[in-house]
Amino acid sequence: MDGVEKSINKRKLRIKKVIIFIIIMLLTGAVGQRIMVEKETNILVPQGEVFDINNHNMYIHSAGSGRNTVVFVAGSGTPSSFTDFYGIQMKLQPYVRTVSFDNAGFGWSEKTDIPRTIDVLVDELHELLEKSAQSSPYILVGHSLASLEVIRFAQKYPAEVKGIVLLDGGSPEFYANDSEIKSYMLNRFSAGLRVTGIARTIGNLGIKLPLLGENLRYNVLPDDIKKIDIAMYYKYLGNTSNLEYIKNINENAREVMKNGHLYNIPLVAISSDSGEDWEKTQQELLRWSNYSSQETLYNSSHYIHWTNTDYIVEKIKGLIDE
């Protein structure tokens, strides 16, 4: 065997060792992830109420009191509405009643096989608000993809809606043509980070990934809420249930577009500075109401209710006072 052949064989052996090492690390991470999810079950005690809605359990968390109710609707894939809206609900508690809730398959809400069409989502929310004895008229606050849910809710139940606030939400026109494949691939990538334990390992090193706003949320929550938040994150990152929402994005947006204008229901769009294309999408939202406004907050992020909490609180208070 000549020197060249020996060198090639040594290189192949090194590559095999690296591959075996990576496989062992991934398997170790996957086993550790499963063990920790089981252990963290003790942390995840519901902080609100659970109701039987459309033949599956749904969770809702309430805070504060008042004549109106602010309803927070989380964006696609957000692990827990309780931790995602915790900061803003606490700041609004002295002024108004607020509620947040988990859609099926997230947080403390049960999975379901019922298709995640826009009318199913809206009707489940409406039933949840009624069963939990919330008082209308509602101010609906939707983050990201939840813009479709809050606009459709206002279309179906206009007498129960006082106003809408969109937190970096896309327009129905945008979501009607958005790539479902892109969202699917991001979900599967995130799932890989979760299942293999990579996301948890990185988190244990003190690095919270920007996926789903975890790098923002975790740093400012109280210590007891942090434990719930990170356990939810490691449980639901890349959640398979979210695929049921993703595959209906285009169809849900077209259903909203088909049902048309909101007329005199005020609509406030608060947007991140995410480039010209996103700015165009935000301007499209102005056409959805006779009383609409839009403002871009610079140096903000997609999870705008964490980078600009106080500003958004004041905007919501403005709708309460109108």
Protein backbone atom coordinates (compact mmCIF):
# COMPACT_ATOMS: atom_id res chain seq x y z
CA MET A 1 0.00 0.00 0.00
CA ASP A 2 1.58 3.28 -1.06
CA GLY A 3 1.61 6.52 0.91
CA VAL A 4 -1.22 8.11 -1.06
CA GLU A 5 -3.54 5.16 -0.40
CA LYS A 6 -2.66 5.18 3.31
CA SER A 7 -3.45 8.89 3.50
CA ILE A 8 -6.83 8.35 1.80
CA ASN A 9 -7.71 5.51 4.19
CA LYS A 10 -6.74 7.62 7.21
CA ARG A 11 -8.95 10.46 5.93
CA LYS A 12 -11.87 8.07 5.43
CA LEU A 13 -11.37 6.70 8.96
CA ARG A 14 -11.41 10.23 10.41
CA ILE A 15 -14.60 11.03 8.53
CA LYS A 16 -16.22 7.82 9.82
CA LYS A 17 -15.21 8.71 13.38
CA VAL A 18 -16.68 12.21 13.01
CA ILE A 19 -19.93 10.81 11.60
CA ILE A 20 -20.18 8.25 14.41
CA PHE A 21 -19.48 10.96 16.98
CA ILE A 22 -22.19 13.21 15.52
CA ILE A 23 -24.70 10.34 15.48
CA ILE A 24 -23.93 9.48 19.12
CA MET A 25 -24.29 13.15 20.14
CA LEU A 26 -27.62 13.50 18.31
CA LEU A 27 -28.97 10.28 19.84
CA THR A 28 -27.82 11.41 23.28
CA GLY A 29 -29.46 14.78 22.75
CA ALA A 30 -32.70 13.17 21.57
CA VAL A 31 -32.87 10.89 24.61
CA GLY A 32 -32.08 13.80 26.92
CA GLN A 33 -34.76 15.92 25.26
CA ARG A 34 -37.43 13.27 25.84
CA ILE A 35 -36.40 12.79 29.47
CA MET A 36 -36.47 16.53 30.16
CA VAL A 37 -39.88 17.04 28.52
CA GLU A 38 -41.27 14.36 30.85
CA LYS A 39 -39.62 15.97 33.89
CA GLU A 40 -40.90 19.43 32.94
CA THR A 41 -44.50 18.22 32.95
CA ASN A 42 -44.57 19.12 36.66
CA ILE A 43 -43.77 22.74 35.80
CA LEU A 44 -46.56 23.04 33.24
CA VAL A 45 -49.55 23.45 35.52
CA PRO A 46 -52.28 25.51 33.76
CA GLN A 47 -52.32 29.13 34.96
CA GLY A 48 -55.91 29.77 33.83
CA GLU A 49 -59.04 27.82 32.94
CA VAL A 50 -59.71 24.99 30.50
CA PHE A 51 -63.04 24.54 28.67
CA ASP A 52 -64.44 21.89 26.35
CA ILE A 53 -64.65 23.65 22.99
CA ASN A 54 -65.67 21.85 19.79
CA ASN A 55 -64.93 18.47 21.41
CA HIS A 56 -61.42 19.34 22.64
CA ASN A 57 -60.09 21.24 25.64
CA MET A 58 -58.98 24.85 25.19
CA TYR A 59 -57.08 26.99 27.67
CA ILE A 60 -57.71 30.67 28.49
CA HIS A 61 -55.94 33.06 30.88
CA SER A 62 -57.63 36.22 32.19
CA ALA A 63 -56.24 39.26 33.99
CA GLY A 64 -57.67 42.60 35.14
CA SER A 65 -61.23 43.90 34.90
CA GLY A 66 -63.27 46.44 32.98
CA ARG A 67 -66.21 46.98 30.65
CA ASN A 68 -64.25 45.87 27.59
CA THR A 69 -62.10 42.80 27.04
CA VAL A 70 -58.80 42.80 25.16
CA VAL A 71 -58.33 39.43 23.44
CA PHE A 72 -54.76 38.49 22.50
CA VAL A 73 -54.35 36.00 19.64
CA ALA A 74 -50.90 34.43 19.25
CA GLY A 75 -49.12 34.02 15.94
CA SER A 76 -48.40 30.77 14.16
CA GLY A 77 -46.27 28.31 16.15
CA THR A 78 -46.06 30.37 19.34
CA PRO A 79 -45.60 27.75 22.10
CA SER A 80 -47.62 29.45 24.85
CA SER A 81 -49.94 32.44 24.75
CA PHE A 82 -49.62 32.78 28.54
CA THR A 83 -45.90 33.51 28.44
CA ASP A 84 -45.97 35.32 25.08
CA PHE A 85 -48.49 37.93 26.26
CA TYR A 86 -47.61 37.84 29.96
CA GLY A 87 -45.75 41.16 29.98
CA ILE A 88 -48.35 43.14 28.09
CA GLN A 89 -51.26 41.61 30.05
CA MET A 90 -49.61 42.61 33.33
CA LYS A 91 -49.09 46.19 32.12
CA LEU A 92 -52.74 46.45 31.02
CA GLN A 93 -54.18 44.80 34.13
CA PRO A 94 -54.91 48.10 35.98
CA TYR A 95 -56.89 49.46 33.01
CA VAL A 96 -58.85 46.68 31.33
CA ARG A 97 -59.67 43.00 31.35
CA THR A 98 -57.39 40.98 29.09
CA VAL A 99 -57.42 37.36 27.96
CA SER A 100 -54.99 35.14 26.09
CA PHE A 101 -55.64 31.59 24.93
CA ASP A 102 -53.98 28.65 23.21
CA ASN A 103 -55.22 27.29 19.91
CA ALA A 104 -55.47 23.50 19.64
CA GLY A 105 -52.17 21.66 19.99
CA PHE A 106 -50.29 24.45 21.78
CA GLY A 107 -49.73 25.45 25.39
CA TRP A 108 -52.37 23.85 27.59
CA SER A 109 -54.88 23.28 24.77
CA GLU A 110 -55.58 19.78 23.53
CA LYS A 111 -54.74 18.52 20.04
CA THR A 112 -57.57 17.98 17.60
CA ASP A 113 -58.10 16.37 14.20
CA ILE A 114 -60.61 19.06 13.19
CA PRO A 115 -59.18 20.97 10.17
CA ARG A 116 -57.72 24.36 11.08
CA THR A 117 -59.82 26.42 8.69
CA ILE A 118 -60.34 30.08 9.49
CA ASP A 119 -64.03 29.72 10.38
CA VAL A 120 -63.28 26.81 12.73
CA LEU A 121 -60.60 28.90 14.48
CA VAL A 122 -62.89 31.91 14.82
CA ASP A 123 -65.91 29.92 15.99
CA GLU A 124 -63.80 28.07 18.57
CA LEU A 125 -62.53 31.40 19.93
CA HIS A 126 -66.07 32.80 20.03
CA GLU A 127 -67.32 29.75 21.93
CA LEU A 128 -64.36 29.97 24.33
CA LEU A 129 -65.06 33.63 25.09
CA GLU A 130 -68.73 32.86 25.74
CA LYS A 131 -68.09 29.83 27.93
CA SER A 132 -65.49 31.70 29.98
CA ALA A 133 -67.99 34.57 30.47
CA GLN A 134 -65.93 37.33 28.85
CA SER A 135 -67.64 40.67 28.21
CA SER A 136 -67.91 42.17 24.76
CA PRO A 137 -67.25 44.41 22.94
CA TYR A 138 -63.79 42.98 22.37
CA ILE A 139 -60.59 44.67 21.30
CA LEU A 140 -58.87 41.97 19.25
CA VAL A 141 -55.06 42.00 19.25
CA GLY A 142 -53.52 39.61 16.73
CA HIS A 143 -49.83 38.91 16.22
CA SER A 144 -48.41 37.86 12.83
CA LEU A 145 -50.61 35.25 11.07
CA ALA A 146 -53.32 35.84 13.69
CA SER A 147 -54.28 38.92 11.67
CA LEU A 148 -56.46 36.56 9.62
CA GLU A 149 -58.25 35.29 12.72
CA VAL A 150 -59.04 38.70 14.18
CA ILE A 151 -60.21 40.18 10.86
CA ARG A 152 -62.44 37.15 10.22
CA PHE A 153 -63.80 37.34 13.78
CA ALA A 154 -64.78 40.97 13.15
CA GLN A 155 -66.43 39.97 9.86
CA LYS A 156 -68.53 37.28 11.55
CA TYR A 157 -69.30 39.08 14.82
CA PRO A 158 -69.06 42.83 14.08
CA ALA A 159 -71.40 43.85 16.91
CA GLU A 160 -68.99 42.25 19.41
CA VAL A 161 -65.81 43.99 18.21
CA LYS A 162 -64.79 47.47 19.35
CA GLY A 163 -61.48 47.54 17.50
CA ILE A 164 -58.52 45.60 16.12
CA VAL A 165 -54.79 45.96 16.79
CA LEU A 166 -52.43 44.03 14.51
CA LEU A 167 -48.94 43.34 15.85
CA ASP A 168 -46.76 42.99 12.76
CA GLY A 169 -49.54 41.04 11.09
CA GLY A 170 -49.62 40.44 7.37
CA SER A 171 -52.49 41.50 5.17
CA PRO A 172 -54.92 38.89 3.80
CA GLU A 173 -53.57 39.75 0.34
CA PHE A 174 -50.08 38.83 1.53
CA TYR A 175 -51.08 35.52 3.11
CA ALA A 176 -53.19 34.54 0.10
CA ASN A 177 -49.96 34.26 -1.90
CA ASP A 178 -47.41 33.50 0.82
CA SER A 179 -45.36 30.31 0.45
CA GLU A 180 -46.79 27.54 2.61
CA ILE A 181 -43.73 25.46 1.68
CA LYS A 182 -41.43 28.08 3.23
CA SER A 183 -43.38 27.94 6.51
CA TYR A 184 -43.40 24.13 6.35
CA MET A 185 -39.61 23.96 5.92
CA LEU A 186 -39.03 26.37 8.82
CA ASN A 187 -41.30 24.24 10.99
CA ARG A 188 -39.42 21.04 10.08
CA PHE A 189 -36.04 22.71 10.69
CA SER A 190 -37.23 23.90 14.09
CA ALA A 191 -38.55 20.42 14.88
CA GLY A 192 -35.12 18.99 14.11
CA LEU A 193 -33.51 21.39 16.59
CA ARG A 194 -36.02 20.34 19.23
CA VAL A 195 -36.10 16.56 18.71
CA THR A 196 -32.30 16.20 18.61
CA GLY A 197 -31.88 18.32 21.73
CA ILE A 198 -29.77 20.89 19.86
CA ALA A 199 -32.06 23.79 20.83
CA ARG A 200 -31.92 22.74 24.49
CA THR A 201 -28.13 22.32 24.43
CA ILE A 202 -27.67 25.77 22.92
CA GLY A 203 -30.10 27.19 25.47
CA ASN A 204 -28.18 25.60 28.34
CA LEU A 205 -25.10 27.43 27.08
CA GLY A 206 -27.00 30.69 27.59
CA ILE A 207 -27.92 31.29 23.96
CA LYS A 208 -31.67 31.63 23.38
CA LEU A 209 -32.51 31.29 19.69
CA PRO A 210 -34.54 34.02 17.95
CA LEU A 211 -37.00 31.36 16.74
CA LEU A 212 -40.51 32.34 17.93
CA GLY A 213 -39.07 35.33 19.83
CA GLU A 214 -37.54 33.22 22.59
CA ASN A 215 -34.40 35.39 22.76
CA LEU A 216 -36.59 38.40 23.63
CA ARG A 217 -39.23 36.83 25.82
CA TYR A 218 -37.05 34.75 28.10
CA ASN A 219 -34.77 37.61 29.14
CA VAL A 220 -37.50 39.82 30.59
CA LEU A 221 -39.95 37.37 32.20
CA PRO A 222 -40.01 36.87 35.99
CA ASP A 223 -38.06 33.80 37.13
CA ASP A 224 -41.12 31.66 37.87
CA ILE A 225 -42.66 32.44 34.46
CA LYS A 226 -39.32 31.82 32.74
CA LYS A 227 -39.48 28.19 33.85
CA ILE A 228 -42.89 27.77 32.20
CA ASP A 229 -41.79 29.66 29.10
CA ILE A 230 -38.65 27.64 28.41
CA ALA A 231 -40.42 24.34 29.12
CA MET A 232 -43.15 25.30 26.63
CA TYR A 233 -40.51 26.33 24.09
CA TYR A 234 -38.63 23.04 24.29
CA LYS A 235 -41.90 21.12 24.11
CA TYR A 236 -43.51 22.90 21.14
CA LEU A 237 -40.68 24.26 18.94
CA GLY A 238 -41.48 22.97 15.46
CA ASN A 239 -44.71 21.45 16.76
CA THR A 240 -46.30 19.01 14.31
CA SER A 241 -49.74 20.43 15.13
CA ASN A 242 -48.67 23.69 13.52
CA LEU A 243 -48.53 21.97 10.13
CA GLU A 244 -52.34 21.87 10.21
CA TYR A 245 -52.39 25.67 10.47
CA ILE A 246 -49.65 26.16 7.87
CA LYS A 247 -51.34 24.09 5.15
CA ASN A 248 -54.44 26.32 5.37
CA ILE A 249 -52.71 29.72 5.19
CA ASN A 250 -53.58 30.51 1.56
CA GLU A 251 -57.14 29.15 1.78
CA ASN A 252 -57.84 30.98 5.04
CA ALA A 253 -56.58 34.27 3.60
CA ARG A 254 -58.79 33.91 0.53
CA GLU A 255 -61.81 33.25 2.76
CA VAL A 256 -61.12 36.49 4.62
CA MET A 257 -60.75 38.39 1.35
CA LYS A 258 -64.02 36.93 0.06
CA ASN A 259 -65.93 38.31 3.06
CA GLY A 260 -64.68 41.84 2.63
CA HIS A 261 -64.44 45.18 4.36
CA LEU A 262 -64.72 45.90 8.10
CA TYR A 263 -66.41 49.27 7.51
CA ASN A 264 -66.43 51.27 10.78
CA ILE A 265 -64.47 48.90 13.03
CA PRO A 266 -61.20 50.71 13.88
CA LEU A 267 -58.03 48.92 12.79
CA VAL A 268 -54.56 49.83 14.06
CA ALA A 269 -51.56 48.17 12.37
CA ILE A 270 -48.27 48.38 14.28
CA SER A 271 -45.41 47.13 12.13
CA SER A 272 -41.75 46.19 12.41
CA ASP A 273 -39.18 47.71 10.07
CA SER A 274 -38.71 44.61 7.94
CA GLY A 275 -38.06 46.13 4.54
CA GLU A 276 -39.97 47.62 1.62
CA ASP A 277 -41.95 44.50 0.73
CA TRP A 278 -43.26 44.15 4.27
CA GLU A 279 -44.06 47.88 4.36
CA LYS A 280 -46.20 47.42 1.23
CA THR A 281 -48.06 44.61 2.97
CA GLN A 282 -48.70 46.84 5.97
CA GLN A 283 -50.10 49.58 3.75
CA GLU A 284 -52.56 47.05 2.28
CA LEU A 285 -54.11 46.71 5.74
CA LEU A 286 -55.25 50.34 5.63
CA ARG A 287 -57.87 49.43 3.03
CA TRP A 288 -59.66 47.03 5.39
CA SER A 289 -61.42 49.65 7.53
CA ASN A 290 -62.84 53.14 7.23
CA TYR A 291 -60.98 53.97 10.44
CA SER A 292 -57.51 52.53 9.95
CA SER A 293 -53.99 53.63 10.80
CA GLN A 294 -50.54 52.13 10.37
CA GLU A 295 -47.20 52.92 11.95
CA THR A 296 -43.80 51.33 11.50
CA LEU A 297 -41.63 51.16 14.62
CA TYR A 298 -37.95 51.27 13.77
CA ASN A 299 -35.45 49.06 15.58
CA SER A 300 -38.31 46.67 16.36
CA SER A 301 -38.63 42.93 15.75
CA HIS A 302 -41.39 40.64 14.50
CA TYR A 303 -42.28 39.94 18.14
CA ILE A 304 -43.00 43.62 18.40
CA HIS A 305 -44.94 43.31 21.67
CA TRP A 306 -41.63 42.45 23.34
CA THR A 307 -39.39 45.08 21.72
CA ASN A 308 -42.00 47.87 21.98
CA THR A 309 -44.28 46.82 24.84
CA ASP A 310 -44.98 50.24 26.34
CA TYR A 311 -45.87 51.79 22.99
CA ILE A 312 -48.35 49.02 22.21
CA VAL A 313 -49.89 49.28 25.67
CA GLU A 314 -50.58 52.96 25.02
CA LYS A 315 -52.14 52.20 21.62
CA ILE A 316 -54.49 49.64 23.17
CA LYS A 317 -55.40 52.05 25.96
CA GLY A 318 -56.27 54.58 23.26
CA LEU A 319 -58.82 52.18 21.77
CA ILE A 320 -60.27 51.52 25.23
CA ASP A 321 -60.81 55.24 25.78
CA GLU A 322 -62.44 55.90 22.39
